[in-house]
Protein backbone atom coordinates (compact mmCIF):
# COMPACT_ATOMS: atom_id res chain seq x y z
CA MET A 1 0.00 0.00 0.00
CA SER A 2 1.34 3.42 -0.96
CA LEU A 3 1.32 6.49 1.24
CA THR A 4 0.13 9.79 -0.22
CA THR A 5 2.92 12.36 -0.05
CA PRO A 6 3.07 16.12 -0.77
CA GLN A 7 2.47 16.90 -4.43
CA TYR A 8 4.43 20.15 -4.23
CA ASP A 9 8.10 21.05 -4.13
CA ARG A 10 8.86 21.63 -0.45
CA THR A 11 12.15 23.32 -1.33
CA ALA A 12 10.09 26.09 -2.93
CA LEU A 13 8.15 26.79 0.28
CA THR A 14 8.82 29.81 2.46
CA SER A 15 7.54 30.50 5.95
CA GLY A 16 4.75 33.02 6.31
CA ILE A 17 3.39 31.65 9.58
CA VAL A 18 5.03 31.04 12.94
CA HIS A 19 3.06 28.66 15.14
CA PHE A 20 3.37 28.13 18.90
CA GLY A 21 2.22 24.74 20.16
CA VAL A 22 2.90 22.11 17.51
CA GLY A 23 0.87 19.31 19.06
CA GLY A 24 -1.44 16.72 17.58
CA PHE A 25 -4.35 19.09 17.08
CA HIS A 26 -2.36 21.70 15.16
CA ARG A 27 -0.93 19.02 12.92
CA ALA A 28 -4.38 17.50 12.27
CA HIS A 29 -5.99 20.88 11.68
CA GLN A 30 -4.22 24.11 10.64
CA ALA A 31 -1.18 22.37 9.14
CA MET A 32 -3.51 19.99 7.30
CA TYR A 33 -5.53 22.86 5.79
CA LEU A 34 -2.33 24.49 4.53
CA ASP A 35 -1.06 21.21 3.11
CA ARG A 36 -4.38 20.89 1.27
CA LEU A 37 -3.88 24.35 -0.25
CA MET A 38 -0.29 23.59 -1.21
CA ASN A 39 -1.30 20.38 -2.97
CA ALA A 40 -3.67 22.55 -5.04
CA GLY A 41 -0.80 24.89 -5.94
CA HIS A 42 -1.68 27.66 -3.46
CA ALA A 43 -0.14 29.20 -0.31
CA LEU A 44 3.45 28.19 -1.06
CA GLU A 45 4.63 31.33 0.75
CA TRP A 46 2.59 30.45 3.85
CA ALA A 47 4.53 27.46 5.19
CA ILE A 48 4.79 27.05 8.95
CA THR A 49 7.74 27.49 11.28
CA GLY A 50 6.82 25.64 14.46
CA ILE A 51 7.91 26.89 17.87
CA GLY A 52 8.28 24.96 21.11
CA VAL A 53 8.42 26.81 24.42
CA LEU A 54 7.81 24.19 27.12
CA PRO A 55 10.33 21.56 28.29
CA ALA A 56 8.09 18.82 26.86
CA ASP A 57 8.51 20.39 23.40
CA ALA A 58 12.16 19.32 23.28
CA ARG A 59 11.04 15.86 22.15
CA MET A 60 9.00 17.34 19.31
CA LYS A 61 12.07 19.32 18.23
CA GLN A 62 14.08 16.09 18.00
CA VAL A 63 11.42 14.30 15.96
CA MET A 64 10.75 17.20 13.62
CA ASP A 65 14.45 17.69 12.93
CA LYS A 66 14.92 13.98 12.29
CA GLN A 67 11.93 13.74 9.94
CA ASP A 68 12.44 17.04 8.09
CA CYS A 69 9.21 18.22 9.78
CA LEU A 70 7.22 15.58 7.87
CA TYR A 71 4.64 13.39 9.61
CA THR A 72 1.79 11.05 8.78
CA LEU A 73 -1.81 12.11 9.38
CA THR A 74 -4.28 9.21 9.56
CA VAL A 75 -8.02 9.78 9.50
CA LYS A 76 -9.87 6.95 11.25
CA ASN A 77 -13.32 6.53 9.75
CA PRO A 78 -16.30 5.02 11.62
CA ASP A 79 -16.38 2.01 9.26
CA GLY A 80 -12.81 1.10 10.22
CA SER A 81 -11.17 2.38 7.04
CA ARG A 82 -8.16 4.64 7.31
CA ASP A 83 -6.94 7.47 5.09
CA SER A 84 -3.29 8.37 5.53
CA ARG A 85 -1.16 11.09 4.01
CA VAL A 86 2.13 12.80 4.71
CA ILE A 87 1.81 16.47 5.66
CA GLY A 88 4.56 18.81 4.45
CA SER A 89 3.36 22.31 5.34
CA ILE A 90 5.68 22.64 8.37
CA ILE A 91 9.20 23.32 7.16
CA GLU A 92 11.07 24.35 10.30
CA TYR A 93 10.90 23.83 14.07
CA LEU A 94 12.63 26.08 16.61
CA TYR A 95 12.92 25.33 20.32
CA ALA A 96 12.81 28.64 22.16
CA PRO A 97 14.65 27.60 25.37
CA GLU A 98 17.70 26.74 23.26
CA ASP A 99 17.73 29.93 21.20
CA PRO A 100 15.09 32.54 22.05
CA GLU A 101 16.87 35.08 19.85
CA ALA A 102 16.34 32.92 16.77
CA VAL A 103 12.62 32.68 17.55
CA ILE A 104 12.29 36.44 18.04
CA GLU A 105 14.19 37.26 14.86
CA LYS A 106 12.11 34.78 12.88
CA MET A 107 8.91 36.58 13.90
CA ALA A 108 10.52 39.98 13.40
CA SER A 109 11.43 39.14 9.80
CA ALA A 110 9.32 40.56 6.96
CA PRO A 111 8.11 37.23 5.48
CA ILE A 112 6.26 36.30 8.70
CA ARG A 113 2.74 37.69 8.49
CA ILE A 114 0.82 35.48 10.95
CA VAL A 115 1.74 34.14 14.38
CA SER A 116 -0.72 31.44 15.41
CA LEU A 117 -1.32 29.69 18.71
CA THR A 118 -2.50 26.36 20.09
CA VAL A 119 -1.08 26.75 23.58
CA THR A 120 -4.09 25.16 25.37
CA GLU A 121 -6.65 26.89 27.53
CA GLY A 122 -4.15 27.32 30.36
CA GLY A 123 -1.54 28.93 28.14
CA TYR A 124 -3.19 32.35 28.16
CA ASN A 125 -2.20 32.97 31.78
CA PHE A 126 -5.38 34.60 33.00
CA HIS A 127 -7.31 34.33 36.24
CA HIS A 128 -10.30 32.03 35.65
CA LEU A 129 -12.73 34.18 37.61
CA THR A 130 -11.62 37.74 36.87
CA GLY A 131 -10.22 37.13 33.39
CA GLU A 132 -7.23 39.34 34.21
CA PHE A 133 -3.63 38.60 33.30
CA ASN A 134 -1.64 36.77 35.99
CA ALA A 135 1.38 39.00 36.54
CA GLU A 136 2.55 36.75 39.40
CA ASN A 137 3.51 33.88 37.12
CA PRO A 138 7.23 33.28 37.81
CA ASP A 139 8.09 33.08 34.11
CA VAL A 140 6.22 36.32 33.45
CA ILE A 141 8.10 37.99 36.30
CA HIS A 142 11.34 36.78 34.70
CA ASP A 143 10.35 38.09 31.27
CA LEU A 144 9.50 41.51 32.65
CA LYS A 145 13.04 42.05 33.91
CA PRO A 146 15.12 44.42 31.75
CA GLY A 147 17.23 42.52 29.25
CA ALA A 148 15.85 39.09 30.15
CA ALA A 149 15.82 36.43 27.43
CA PRO A 150 12.09 35.65 27.14
CA ARG A 151 10.75 32.33 28.40
CA THR A 152 7.06 32.85 27.62
CA VAL A 153 5.09 33.22 24.42
CA PHE A 154 4.14 36.68 25.71
CA GLY A 155 7.75 37.79 26.04
CA LEU A 156 8.79 36.32 22.71
CA VAL A 157 5.91 37.76 20.68
CA THR A 158 6.04 41.17 22.35
CA GLU A 159 9.76 41.53 21.67
CA ALA A 160 9.26 40.49 18.04
CA LEU A 161 6.49 43.06 17.60
CA ALA A 162 8.67 45.74 19.20
CA ARG A 163 11.46 44.99 16.73
CA ARG A 164 9.09 45.09 13.76
CA ARG A 165 7.77 48.44 14.95
CA ALA A 166 11.30 49.81 15.33
CA ARG A 167 12.20 48.58 11.83
CA GLY A 168 9.12 50.10 10.21
CA LEU A 169 7.50 46.71 9.46
CA GLU A 170 3.76 46.24 9.78
CA PRO A 171 2.74 43.99 12.70
CA PHE A 172 1.82 40.39 12.03
CA THR A 173 -1.62 39.02 12.89
CA VAL A 174 -1.86 36.93 16.07
CA MET A 175 -4.29 34.07 15.35
CA SER A 176 -5.49 32.01 18.32
CA CYS A 177 -6.75 28.49 17.56
CA ASP A 178 -7.54 27.45 21.14
CA ASN A 179 -10.81 26.39 22.74
CA ILE A 180 -11.60 29.64 24.52
CA GLN A 181 -14.65 31.78 23.96
CA GLY A 182 -13.50 34.91 22.14
CA ASN A 183 -10.02 33.42 21.80
CA GLY A 184 -8.75 36.34 19.73
CA ASP A 185 -10.16 38.88 22.16
CA VAL A 186 -8.61 36.99 25.06
CA ALA A 187 -5.26 36.81 23.28
CA ARG A 188 -5.32 40.56 22.59
CA LYS A 189 -6.07 41.31 26.23
CA MET A 190 -3.33 39.02 27.57
CA PHE A 191 -0.59 40.09 25.15
CA ALA A 192 -1.46 43.76 25.64
CA ALA A 193 -1.45 43.28 29.41
CA PHE A 194 2.02 41.76 29.34
CA ALA A 195 3.32 44.42 26.97
CA THR A 196 1.86 47.18 29.14
CA LEU A 197 3.70 45.83 32.16
CA LYS A 198 6.88 45.82 30.09
CA ASN A 199 6.28 49.14 28.32
CA PRO A 200 2.91 50.97 28.53
CA GLU A 201 3.38 52.57 25.13
CA MET A 202 3.97 49.16 23.55
CA GLY A 203 0.86 47.79 25.21
CA ALA A 204 -1.26 50.57 23.74
CA TRP A 205 0.32 50.05 20.31
CA ILE A 206 -0.49 46.33 20.34
CA THR A 207 -4.09 47.04 21.31
CA GLY A 208 -4.48 49.54 18.52
CA HIS A 209 -2.48 48.00 15.68
CA VAL A 210 -2.23 44.18 15.96
CA PRO A 211 -5.18 42.11 14.63
CA PHE A 212 -6.36 39.20 16.82
CA PRO A 213 -9.12 37.41 14.86
CA ASN A 214 -11.44 35.10 16.78
CA SER A 215 -11.85 31.53 15.58
CA MET A 216 -13.59 28.26 16.31
CA VAL A 217 -11.73 25.02 15.64
CA ASP A 218 -12.94 21.44 15.83
CA ARG A 219 -11.46 18.03 15.21
CA ILE A 220 -11.17 15.20 17.73
CA THR A 221 -7.47 14.35 17.87
CA PRO A 222 -6.47 11.77 20.48
CA ALA A 223 -2.94 11.41 21.76
CA THR A 224 -0.69 9.33 19.52
CA ALA A 225 -0.35 5.74 20.77
CA ASP A 226 2.40 3.20 20.09
CA SER A 227 -0.20 1.21 18.14
CA ASP A 228 -0.53 4.16 15.77
CA ARG A 229 3.20 4.15 15.14
CA SER A 230 3.13 0.38 14.59
CA ALA A 231 0.22 0.66 12.16
CA ILE A 232 2.11 3.18 10.02
CA ALA A 233 5.17 0.96 9.98
CA GLU A 234 3.18 -2.17 9.09
CA GLU A 235 0.99 -0.56 6.40
CA PHE A 236 3.54 1.64 4.71
CA GLY A 237 6.97 0.57 5.93
CA SER A 238 7.46 4.08 7.29
CA ASN A 239 9.19 4.79 10.60
CA ASP A 240 7.22 7.82 11.77
CA GLU A 241 8.08 8.56 15.39
CA TRP A 242 5.18 10.95 15.93
CA PRO A 243 2.27 10.43 13.54
CA VAL A 244 -1.13 11.99 14.19
CA VAL A 245 -4.54 10.30 14.15
CA CYS A 246 -7.91 12.03 14.04
CA GLU A 247 -11.58 11.69 13.21
CA PRO A 248 -12.89 12.56 9.72
CA PHE A 249 -14.88 15.60 10.93
CA GLU A 250 -13.14 18.95 10.58
CA GLN A 251 -14.29 22.53 11.08
CA TRP A 252 -12.62 25.92 11.25
CA VAL A 253 -14.62 29.13 11.50
CA LEU A 254 -12.43 32.24 11.31
CA GLU A 255 -12.92 35.98 11.39
CA ASP A 256 -11.47 37.50 8.23
CA HIS A 257 -9.33 40.15 9.94
CA PHE A 258 -5.63 40.12 8.98
CA SER A 259 -3.03 42.88 8.74
CA LEU A 260 -0.75 41.42 6.07
CA GLY A 261 -2.99 39.06 4.15
CA ARG A 262 -3.67 35.38 4.70
CA PRO A 263 -3.66 32.10 2.79
CA PRO A 264 -6.81 31.46 0.73
CA PHE A 265 -8.27 29.47 3.61
CA ASP A 266 -11.75 29.54 2.12
CA GLN A 267 -10.49 27.39 -0.78
CA ALA A 268 -9.53 24.70 1.75
CA GLY A 269 -12.90 24.54 3.50
CA VAL A 270 -12.45 27.20 6.20
CA GLN A 271 -15.56 29.28 6.95
CA LEU A 272 -14.60 32.96 6.89
CA VAL A 273 -17.18 35.01 8.80
CA ARG A 274 -17.74 38.41 10.40
CA ASP A 275 -18.78 37.03 13.78
CA VAL A 276 -17.47 33.75 15.20
CA GLU A 277 -19.30 33.91 18.53
CA PRO A 278 -22.40 31.86 17.61
CA TYR A 279 -20.21 29.06 16.26
CA GLU A 280 -17.79 29.05 19.17
CA LEU A 281 -20.57 29.01 21.76
CA MET A 282 -22.14 26.09 19.91
CA LYS A 283 -18.89 24.15 19.93
CA LEU A 284 -17.72 24.98 23.46
CA ARG A 285 -21.08 24.40 25.15
CA LEU A 286 -22.23 21.42 23.11
CA LEU A 287 -19.11 19.48 22.11
CA ASN A 288 -16.53 20.49 24.72
CA ALA A 289 -18.89 20.60 27.68
CA SER A 290 -20.44 17.28 26.59
CA HIS A 291 -16.97 15.76 26.59
CA GLN A 292 -16.81 16.77 30.26
CA GLY A 293 -20.30 15.39 30.81
CA MET A 294 -19.18 12.05 29.44
CA CYS A 295 -15.64 11.61 30.68
CA TYR A 296 -15.97 11.61 34.50
CA PHE A 297 -19.19 9.61 34.62
CA GLY A 298 -17.77 7.20 32.07
CA TYR A 299 -14.44 6.76 33.81
CA LEU A 300 -16.04 6.21 37.22
CA ALA A 301 -18.34 3.59 35.69
CA GLY A 302 -15.34 1.64 34.39
CA TYR A 303 -15.05 2.82 30.79
CA ARG A 304 -11.69 3.95 29.50
CA TYR A 305 -12.47 5.11 25.95
CA ALA A 306 -14.85 7.77 24.71
CA HIS A 307 -16.62 5.43 22.29
CA GLU A 308 -17.40 3.00 25.12
CA ALA A 309 -19.05 5.70 27.19
CA ALA A 310 -20.87 7.30 24.25
CA ARG A 311 -22.38 3.95 23.29
CA ASP A 312 -23.86 3.48 26.76
CA PRO A 313 -27.52 4.47 26.20
CA ILE A 314 -27.92 6.19 29.57
CA ILE A 315 -24.79 8.33 29.04
CA ALA A 316 -25.82 9.20 25.48
CA GLN A 317 -29.31 10.21 26.65
CA PHE A 318 -27.84 12.25 29.50
CA LEU A 319 -25.66 14.16 27.02
CA LEU A 320 -28.57 14.84 24.67
CA ASP A 321 -30.70 16.01 27.61
CA TYR A 322 -27.90 18.33 28.76
CA MET A 323 -27.54 19.74 25.25
CA ASP A 324 -31.30 20.17 24.73
CA LYS A 325 -32.36 21.42 28.15
CA GLU A 326 -29.35 23.35 29.44
CA ALA A 327 -26.80 24.21 26.75
CA SER A 328 -29.08 25.10 23.83
CA PRO A 329 -31.03 27.81 25.71
CA THR A 330 -27.76 29.72 26.17
CA LEU A 331 -26.80 29.71 22.47
CA HIS A 332 -27.29 32.33 19.78
CA PRO A 333 -28.70 31.42 16.35
CA VAL A 334 -25.94 29.76 14.32
CA PRO A 335 -26.12 30.65 10.60
CA GLY A 336 -26.16 27.61 8.35
CA VAL A 337 -26.17 25.02 11.15
CA ASP A 338 -28.98 22.60 12.04
CA LEU A 339 -28.44 22.39 15.80
CA GLU A 340 -30.57 19.28 16.25
CA ALA A 341 -28.58 17.42 13.64
CA TYR A 342 -25.33 18.79 15.09
CA LYS A 343 -26.13 17.39 18.55
CA HIS A 344 -26.80 13.89 17.22
CA THR A 345 -23.69 14.11 15.06
CA LEU A 346 -21.69 14.74 18.23
CA ILE A 347 -22.89 11.45 19.76
CA GLU A 348 -21.92 9.69 16.51
CA ARG A 349 -18.49 11.31 16.56
CA PHE A 350 -17.91 10.36 20.21
CA SER A 351 -18.94 6.78 19.34
CA ASN A 352 -16.26 6.26 16.65
CA GLU A 353 -14.44 3.27 18.12
CA HIS A 354 -11.53 3.54 15.71
CA VAL A 355 -10.46 6.97 16.96
CA ARG A 356 -9.96 5.42 20.43
CA ASP A 357 -9.98 8.72 22.24
CA THR A 358 -9.25 8.07 25.89
CA LEU A 359 -11.44 9.33 28.71
CA ALA A 360 -8.26 10.10 30.65
CA ARG A 361 -7.34 12.70 28.00
CA LEU A 362 -10.76 14.29 28.28
CA CYS A 363 -10.57 14.28 32.08
CA ALA A 364 -7.21 16.05 32.17
CA GLU A 365 -6.70 19.72 33.07
CA SER A 366 -10.31 20.09 34.17
CA SER A 367 -9.61 23.27 36.12
CA ASP A 368 -8.75 24.96 32.82
CA ARG A 369 -11.74 23.49 30.97
CA ILE A 370 -14.79 23.42 33.22
CA PRO A 371 -14.64 27.16 34.07
CA LYS A 372 -14.58 28.09 30.37
CA TRP A 373 -16.94 25.53 28.88
CA LEU A 374 -19.52 24.55 31.51
CA LEU A 375 -19.71 27.13 34.30
CA PRO A 376 -20.92 29.86 31.89
CA VAL A 377 -23.86 27.59 31.02
CA ILE A 378 -24.68 27.21 34.71
CA ARG A 379 -24.44 30.93 35.41
CA GLU A 380 -26.60 31.92 32.43
CA ASN A 381 -29.28 29.40 33.33
CA LEU A 382 -29.26 30.52 36.95
CA GLU A 383 -29.79 34.10 35.77
CA GLN A 384 -32.55 33.08 33.36
CA GLY A 385 -34.30 30.62 35.67
CA GLY A 386 -33.28 27.69 33.46
CA ASP A 387 -32.45 24.11 34.40
CA ILE A 388 -29.00 23.43 35.87
CA HIS A 389 -29.39 19.88 37.26
CA ARG A 390 -27.30 18.11 34.61
CA SER A 391 -24.61 20.81 34.52
CA ALA A 392 -24.34 20.68 38.31
CA ALA A 393 -24.10 16.89 38.10
CA ILE A 394 -21.18 17.17 35.67
CA VAL A 395 -19.36 19.33 38.23
CA ALA A 396 -20.20 16.73 40.89
CA SER A 397 -18.82 13.94 38.69
CA TRP A 398 -15.57 15.92 38.40
CA ALA A 399 -15.48 16.27 42.18
CA ARG A 400 -16.04 12.53 42.61
CA TYR A 401 -13.34 11.77 40.00
CA ALA A 402 -10.91 14.05 41.89
CA GLU A 403 -11.14 11.70 44.88
CA GLY A 404 -8.63 9.63 42.92
CA VAL A 405 -10.31 6.21 42.93
CA ASP A 406 -12.98 4.78 40.64
CA GLU A 407 -15.99 2.67 41.59
CA GLN A 408 -14.01 -0.53 41.18
CA GLY A 409 -11.42 0.68 43.69
CA HIS A 410 -8.78 1.36 41.04
CA PRO A 411 -6.61 4.47 41.48
CA ILE A 412 -7.18 7.44 39.18
CA ASP A 413 -4.21 9.45 37.96
CA VAL A 414 -5.61 12.96 38.24
CA VAL A 415 -3.85 15.22 35.74
CA ASP A 416 -4.36 18.90 36.51
CA ARG A 417 -2.21 21.91 37.28
CA LEU A 418 -4.27 22.25 40.51
CA LYS A 419 -4.14 18.54 41.34
CA GLU A 420 -3.14 18.88 44.99
CA PRO A 421 -5.75 21.42 46.14
CA LEU A 422 -8.46 19.74 44.06
CA MET A 423 -7.80 16.31 45.52
CA ALA A 424 -7.53 17.76 49.03
CA ALA A 425 -10.94 19.41 48.62
CA ALA A 426 -12.43 16.21 47.17
CA ALA A 427 -11.18 14.26 50.18
CA MET A 428 -13.23 16.54 52.47
CA GLN A 429 -16.55 16.30 50.67
CA TYR A 430 -17.95 13.33 52.61
CA ASP A 431 -18.00 15.63 55.64
CA ASP A 432 -18.62 18.85 53.73
CA PRO A 433 -20.55 18.22 50.48
CA LEU A 434 -19.68 21.70 49.16
CA ALA A 435 -15.95 21.48 49.90
CA PHE A 436 -14.96 20.93 46.26
CA VAL A 437 -16.86 23.96 44.96
CA SER A 438 -15.58 26.25 47.72
CA ASN A 439 -12.60 27.52 45.72
CA PRO A 440 -13.67 31.00 44.54
CA ASP A 441 -10.84 31.17 42.01
CA ILE A 442 -12.55 28.37 40.07
CA PHE A 443 -16.22 28.53 41.01
CA GLY A 444 -16.75 32.12 42.09
CA ALA A 445 -19.84 32.37 44.28
CA LEU A 446 -21.68 29.31 42.91
CA LYS A 447 -21.42 27.61 46.30
CA THR A 448 -23.71 30.25 47.79
CA ASP A 449 -26.40 29.89 45.12
CA LYS A 450 -29.13 27.77 46.70
CA ARG A 451 -30.33 26.23 43.44
CA PHE A 452 -26.86 25.21 42.35
CA ALA A 453 -25.90 23.96 45.82
CA ALA A 454 -29.03 21.81 46.04
CA ALA A 455 -28.57 20.26 42.58
CA TYR A 456 -24.86 19.72 43.10
CA THR A 457 -25.15 18.10 46.53
CA GLN A 458 -27.95 15.80 45.31
CA ALA A 459 -25.82 14.62 42.40
CA LEU A 460 -22.78 14.13 44.63
CA HIS A 461 -24.93 12.15 47.08
CA ASP A 462 -26.16 9.92 44.25
CA LEU A 463 -22.59 9.38 43.04
CA HIS A 464 -21.44 8.40 46.51
CA SER A 465 -24.42 6.22 47.40
CA GLY A 466 -25.18 4.48 44.11
CA GLY A 467 -22.40 5.30 41.68
CA ALA A 468 -22.29 6.95 38.29
CA ARG A 469 -25.12 4.97 36.70
CA ALA A 470 -27.47 5.61 39.62
CA ALA A 471 -26.71 9.33 39.44
CA LEU A 472 -27.40 9.34 35.70
CA GLU A 473 -30.64 7.40 36.12
CA HIS A 474 -31.80 10.01 38.62
CA LEU A 475 -31.16 12.74 36.04
CA THR A 476 -32.03 11.22 32.69
CA LEU A 477 -35.35 12.06 31.10
CA PRO A 478 -37.37 9.28 29.40
CA ALA A 479 -35.97 8.57 25.96
CA LYS A 480 -37.74 10.61 23.29
């Protein structure tokens, strides 16, 4: 069996985009769209220079250097078939801790017209409740010192913009591709806040001159497993150390707001719109929040993969009820989208057994996810007098998961930047049912809302007394 390879001359490519956060999602999404354009003879001046900032990115640097930045993308279809191709749109990878100056100069050079980001929800360094920039971050404190070699994406990008300004070059566009509502607006606020701390004039200039388009991105991309590497080797005889696997569904909705042009994204299937908000709310509150609604209940009940949980009728019905009764009332009209069909498509996507997305991946970093995806649904419904029982139960399932042991007595490896305080709070909730939601930095004043407290404590009681399935049975409406 042959492997589809780039149909363009990679030696003719030049970088027009610098991207921070070259993980699986970026390589299954933005880099894929660009490769699609390049295969059609377009966007040859828009190749990607990848940037790693975190210690864990050192491994990606090694692999990308070894493989000339090439990798295999495999789409796993529901019928078990697989479509694989080699992606060639990334042509360079720089590791900032080794040479921050090279990263800064790359962005400060005239050919770079877009700097894009998939740095995860936690990478924007803002307080979950206030939304303000966290100036107490040790790396930020370091970067604010005069003459310091930047460690953060904020320090690197701000210095590059300052050099472009000094050289009379127009600023590049900063394009966020992370799962945050108003991701471009958030990015503008955070970068301007850092720059203002460094130099108030520079902060004002960034606010007034640098475009930060909002976007919505969607493609389920599980972590690469050894079995994925073995499959590539067996099918194609290719030794790819870091291939990417994904589902067939893809979506990218993007505001068309760029300072120095952009690739013809619309020719690759990207939806270019004036207002992303209806699409992003749909995705965050239906898909992302439903992932949270499925992962903790599913893991506690003994499932380990998303498709196993999604195929459980009571979990699937719970998710549909959450989407219909709690999430949908908080959404705006979404042009061109049949929401009812979209909801059922989500259950089908979650049920794709060949993707083998793990529940552990979906359960990770909950303190960065729940406040952005689910708590806004709860707060809006509380304000509007809407139902919050299922949303509160999802929070309760997270609290039960954070106890660190499932219903079979097996230990749970809780992965979260706030692991210690979360697990400490969860350990107290048998004596104090509201202990877990007492952290105002995560939950604000929800603990003091009588409706939320009642729904949450009932769900937690059901989880403790009867387990995940009993809690779901208490909540699930009769099948329609």
